[in-house]
């Protein structure tokens, strides 16, 4: 058993996270047979991700604020603290904070067989995408 060294908070790149979005890594694979990464992600009001998808899906547990999650069919759902949303493998989606408050979630995802394909980043979402129109 060992205490893991604390890693510095990362400000995510604007290309994938318009607005200010910070990442704190909680856990990463420690052996070759492990795949799970866990991170705390904090979004400034109105900040969002670009469209993206994950090879093995993703769980997101909201800890603070109101989260907005959208899919390509125009559906946007609000998720509140204590709720978990599951995004299926390959499902194109975005995550965002509501305009009125910071939002924080815990992201849990499993690496793909080829780690370079774990996350696939696409174009920026539009204001219409964010609003669910």
C-alpha atoms as a PDB file:
ATOM      1  CA  UNK A   1       0.000   0.000   0.000  1.00  0.00           C
ATOM      2  CA  UNK A   2       1.264   3.495  -0.769  1.00  0.00           C
ATOM      3  CA  UNK A   3       0.057   7.079  -0.735  1.00  0.00           C
ATOM      4  CA  UNK A   4       0.169   8.406  -4.285  1.00  0.00           C
ATOM      5  CA  UNK A   5       2.035  11.659  -4.903  1.00  0.00           C
ATOM      6  CA  UNK A   6      -0.282  14.609  -5.468  1.00  0.00           C
ATOM      7  CA  UNK A   7      -0.269  15.847  -9.043  1.00  0.00           C
ATOM      8  CA  UNK A   8      -0.669  19.521  -9.935  1.00  0.00           C
ATOM      9  CA  UNK A   9      -4.025  20.834 -11.152  1.00  0.00           C
ATOM     10  CA  UNK A  10      -4.082  21.149 -14.935  1.00  0.00           C
ATOM     11  CA  UNK A  11      -5.935  23.877 -16.856  1.00  0.00           C
ATOM     12  CA  UNK A  12      -7.339  21.962 -19.836  1.00  0.00           C
ATOM     13  CA  UNK A  13      -6.622  23.256 -23.366  1.00  0.00           C
ATOM     14  CA  UNK A  14      -9.148  25.597 -25.025  1.00  0.00           C
ATOM     15  CA  UNK A  15      -9.244  23.390 -28.139  1.00  0.00           C
ATOM     16  CA  UNK A  16     -11.027  20.693 -26.143  1.00  0.00           C
ATOM     17  CA  UNK A  17     -12.436  22.706 -23.219  1.00  0.00           C
ATOM     18  CA  UNK A  18     -13.647  26.230 -24.129  1.00  0.00           C
ATOM     19  CA  UNK A  19     -13.907  28.343 -21.011  1.00  0.00           C
ATOM     20  CA  UNK A  20     -11.874  27.449 -17.973  1.00  0.00           C
ATOM     21  CA  UNK A  21     -11.875  23.779 -17.019  1.00  0.00           C
ATOM     22  CA  UNK A  22      -9.447  22.364 -14.453  1.00  0.00           C
ATOM     23  CA  UNK A  23      -8.444  18.725 -14.014  1.00  0.00           C
ATOM     24  CA  UNK A  24      -7.118  16.948 -10.934  1.00  0.00           C
ATOM     25  CA  UNK A  25      -6.025  13.367 -11.538  1.00  0.00           C
ATOM     26  CA  UNK A  26      -7.211  11.110  -8.709  1.00  0.00           C
ATOM     27  CA  UNK A  27      -6.113   7.672  -9.932  1.00  0.00           C
ATOM     28  CA  UNK A  28      -4.334   6.204 -12.941  1.00  0.00           C
ATOM     29  CA  UNK A  29      -3.346   2.644 -13.835  1.00  0.00           C
ATOM     30  CA  UNK A  30      -0.440   1.399 -11.730  1.00  0.00           C
ATOM     31  CA  UNK A  31       0.148  -1.935 -13.492  1.00  0.00           C
ATOM     32  CA  UNK A  32      -0.099  -3.122 -17.103  1.00  0.00           C
ATOM     33  CA  UNK A  33      -3.398  -4.928 -16.474  1.00  0.00           C
ATOM     34  CA  UNK A  34      -5.190  -1.856 -15.063  1.00  0.00           C
ATOM     35  CA  UNK A  35      -7.158   0.545 -17.324  1.00  0.00           C
ATOM     36  CA  UNK A  36      -9.198   2.903 -15.125  1.00  0.00           C
ATOM     37  CA  UNK A  37      -8.510   6.617 -14.758  1.00  0.00           C
ATOM     38  CA  UNK A  38     -10.395   8.773 -12.268  1.00  0.00           C
ATOM     39  CA  UNK A  39     -10.259  12.570 -12.283  1.00  0.00           C
ATOM     40  CA  UNK A  40     -11.985  15.528 -10.658  1.00  0.00           C
ATOM     41  CA  UNK A  41     -12.954  18.086 -13.305  1.00  0.00           C
ATOM     42  CA  UNK A  42     -14.085  21.612 -12.385  1.00  0.00           C
ATOM     43  CA  UNK A  43     -15.831  23.864 -14.931  1.00  0.00           C
ATOM     44  CA  UNK A  44     -16.222  27.631 -14.610  1.00  0.00           C
ATOM     45  CA  UNK A  45     -19.785  28.889 -15.236  1.00  0.00           C
ATOM     46  CA  UNK A  46     -20.699  28.239 -18.891  1.00  0.00           C
ATOM     47  CA  UNK A  47     -17.464  26.329 -19.632  1.00  0.00           C
ATOM     48  CA  UNK A  48     -17.812  23.203 -21.731  1.00  0.00           C
ATOM     49  CA  UNK A  49     -16.059  20.450 -23.592  1.00  0.00           C
ATOM     50  CA  UNK A  50     -15.874  20.034 -27.341  1.00  0.00           C
ATOM     51  CA  UNK A  51     -17.821  17.151 -28.856  1.00  0.00           C
ATOM     52  CA  UNK A  52     -16.055  13.892 -28.082  1.00  0.00           C
ATOM     53  CA  UNK A  53     -16.519  10.192 -27.397  1.00  0.00           C
ATOM     54  CA  UNK A  54     -14.783   7.451 -25.431  1.00  0.00           C
ATOM     55  CA  UNK A  55     -13.856   3.983 -26.680  1.00  0.00           C
ATOM     56  CA  UNK A  56     -15.151   2.273 -23.527  1.00  0.00           C
ATOM     57  CA  UNK A  57     -17.682   4.842 -22.318  1.00  0.00           C
ATOM     58  CA  UNK A  58     -17.528   7.031 -19.244  1.00  0.00           C
ATOM     59  CA  UNK A  59     -19.188   7.550 -15.866  1.00  0.00           C
ATOM     60  CA  UNK A  60     -19.562  11.104 -14.545  1.00  0.00           C
ATOM     61  CA  UNK A  61     -20.556  11.744 -10.932  1.00  0.00           C
ATOM     62  CA  UNK A  62     -21.591  15.350 -10.291  1.00  0.00           C
ATOM     63  CA  UNK A  63     -20.329  16.698  -6.957  1.00  0.00           C
ATOM     64  CA  UNK A  64     -21.145  20.414  -7.243  1.00  0.00           C
ATOM     65  CA  UNK A  65     -23.260  22.779  -9.335  1.00  0.00           C
ATOM     66  CA  UNK A  66     -25.507  21.911 -12.258  1.00  0.00           C
ATOM     67  CA  UNK A  67     -24.023  19.936 -15.131  1.00  0.00           C
ATOM     68  CA  UNK A  68     -25.330  19.963 -18.689  1.00  0.00           C
ATOM     69  CA  UNK A  69     -24.695  16.900 -20.850  1.00  0.00           C
ATOM     70  CA  UNK A  70     -25.702  16.819 -24.497  1.00  0.00           C
ATOM     71  CA  UNK A  71     -25.788  14.298 -27.331  1.00  0.00           C
ATOM     72  CA  UNK A  72     -25.842  14.700 -31.117  1.00  0.00           C
ATOM     73  CA  UNK A  73     -29.616  14.224 -31.255  1.00  0.00           C
ATOM     74  CA  UNK A  74     -29.998  17.616 -29.530  1.00  0.00           C
ATOM     75  CA  UNK A  75     -30.942  16.165 -26.156  1.00  0.00           C
ATOM     76  CA  UNK A  76     -29.461  18.062 -23.199  1.00  0.00           C
ATOM     77  CA  UNK A  77     -29.969  16.869 -19.641  1.00  0.00           C
ATOM     78  CA  UNK A  78     -29.196  18.629 -16.384  1.00  0.00           C
ATOM     79  CA  UNK A  79     -27.497  16.536 -13.735  1.00  0.00           C
ATOM     80  CA  UNK A  80     -27.325  17.607 -10.092  1.00  0.00           C
ATOM     81  CA  UNK A  81     -24.929  16.835  -7.241  1.00  0.00           C
ATOM     82  CA  UNK A  82     -25.136  13.206  -6.173  1.00  0.00           C
ATOM     83  CA  UNK A  83     -26.304  12.008  -9.598  1.00  0.00           C
ATOM     84  CA  UNK A  84     -24.252   9.873 -11.992  1.00  0.00           C
ATOM     85  CA  UNK A  85     -24.575   9.867 -15.758  1.00  0.00           C
ATOM     86  CA  UNK A  86     -23.266   7.067 -17.970  1.00  0.00           C
ATOM     87  CA  UNK A  87     -22.168   7.737 -21.545  1.00  0.00           C
ATOM     88  CA  UNK A  88     -21.993   4.611 -23.722  1.00  0.00           C
ATOM     89  CA  UNK A  89     -18.900   3.694 -25.762  1.00  0.00           C
ATOM     90  CA  UNK A  90     -18.695   5.748 -28.948  1.00  0.00           C
ATOM     91  CA  UNK A  91     -21.571   8.087 -28.010  1.00  0.00           C
ATOM     92  CA  UNK A  92     -20.707  11.638 -29.098  1.00  0.00           C
ATOM     93  CA  UNK A  93     -21.455  14.062 -26.272  1.00  0.00           C
ATOM     94  CA  UNK A  94     -20.380  17.164 -24.386  1.00  0.00           C
ATOM     95  CA  UNK A  95     -20.190  18.163 -20.721  1.00  0.00           C
ATOM     96  CA  UNK A  96     -20.764  21.725 -19.517  1.00  0.00           C
ATOM     97  CA  UNK A  97     -21.472  23.852 -16.481  1.00  0.00           C
ATOM     98  CA  UNK A  98     -24.671  25.856 -16.287  1.00  0.00           C
ATOM     99  CA  UNK A  99     -24.246  29.599 -16.796  1.00  0.00           C
ATOM    100  CA  UNK A 100     -24.978  30.373 -13.153  1.00  0.00           C
ATOM    101  CA  UNK A 101     -22.424  28.355 -11.225  1.00  0.00           C
ATOM    102  CA  UNK A 102     -19.261  26.322 -11.187  1.00  0.00           C
ATOM    103  CA  UNK A 103     -19.746  22.607 -11.820  1.00  0.00           C
ATOM    104  CA  UNK A 104     -17.559  19.775 -10.681  1.00  0.00           C
ATOM    105  CA  UNK A 105     -17.720  16.107 -11.577  1.00  0.00           C
ATOM    106  CA  UNK A 106     -15.700  12.982 -11.029  1.00  0.00           C
ATOM    107  CA  UNK A 107     -14.889  11.342 -14.364  1.00  0.00           C
ATOM    108  CA  UNK A 108     -14.255   7.600 -14.496  1.00  0.00           C
ATOM    109  CA  UNK A 109     -13.135   5.962 -17.716  1.00  0.00           C
ATOM    110  CA  UNK A 110     -11.338   2.888 -18.908  1.00  0.00           C
ATOM    111  CA  UNK A 111      -8.508   3.046 -21.450  1.00  0.00           C
ATOM    112  CA  UNK A 112      -8.949   1.471 -24.871  1.00  0.00           C
ATOM    113  CA  UNK A 113      -6.695  -1.370 -26.037  1.00  0.00           C
ATOM    114  CA  UNK A 114      -4.821   1.353 -27.924  1.00  0.00           C
ATOM    115  CA  UNK A 115      -4.616   4.166 -25.333  1.00  0.00           C
ATOM    116  CA  UNK A 116      -4.429   6.793 -28.090  1.00  0.00           C
ATOM    117  CA  UNK A 117      -8.055   5.956 -28.994  1.00  0.00           C
ATOM    118  CA  UNK A 118      -9.459   6.187 -25.436  1.00  0.00           C
ATOM    119  CA  UNK A 119     -10.796   9.712 -26.133  1.00  0.00           C
ATOM    120  CA  UNK A 120     -11.646  11.044 -29.572  1.00  0.00           C
ATOM    121  CA  UNK A 121     -11.990  14.835 -29.694  1.00  0.00           C
ATOM    122  CA  UNK A 122     -14.161  16.487 -32.332  1.00  0.00           C
ATOM    123  CA  UNK A 123     -15.324  20.035 -33.143  1.00  0.00           C
ATOM    124  CA  UNK A 124     -16.461  22.697 -30.673  1.00  0.00           C
ATOM    125  CA  UNK A 125     -20.102  22.736 -29.640  1.00  0.00           C
ATOM    126  CA  UNK A 126     -22.208  25.698 -30.668  1.00  0.00           C
ATOM    127  CA  UNK A 127     -24.339  27.874 -28.383  1.00  0.00           C
ATOM    128  CA  UNK A 128     -27.353  26.085 -29.924  1.00  0.00           C
ATOM    129  CA  UNK A 129     -25.857  22.682 -28.984  1.00  0.00           C
ATOM    130  CA  UNK A 130     -25.314  23.947 -25.417  1.00  0.00           C
ATOM    131  CA  UNK A 131     -28.913  25.180 -25.212  1.00  0.00           C
ATOM    132  CA  UNK A 132     -30.301  21.928 -26.633  1.00  0.00           C
ATOM    133  CA  UNK A 133     -31.805  23.398 -29.808  1.00  0.00           C
END
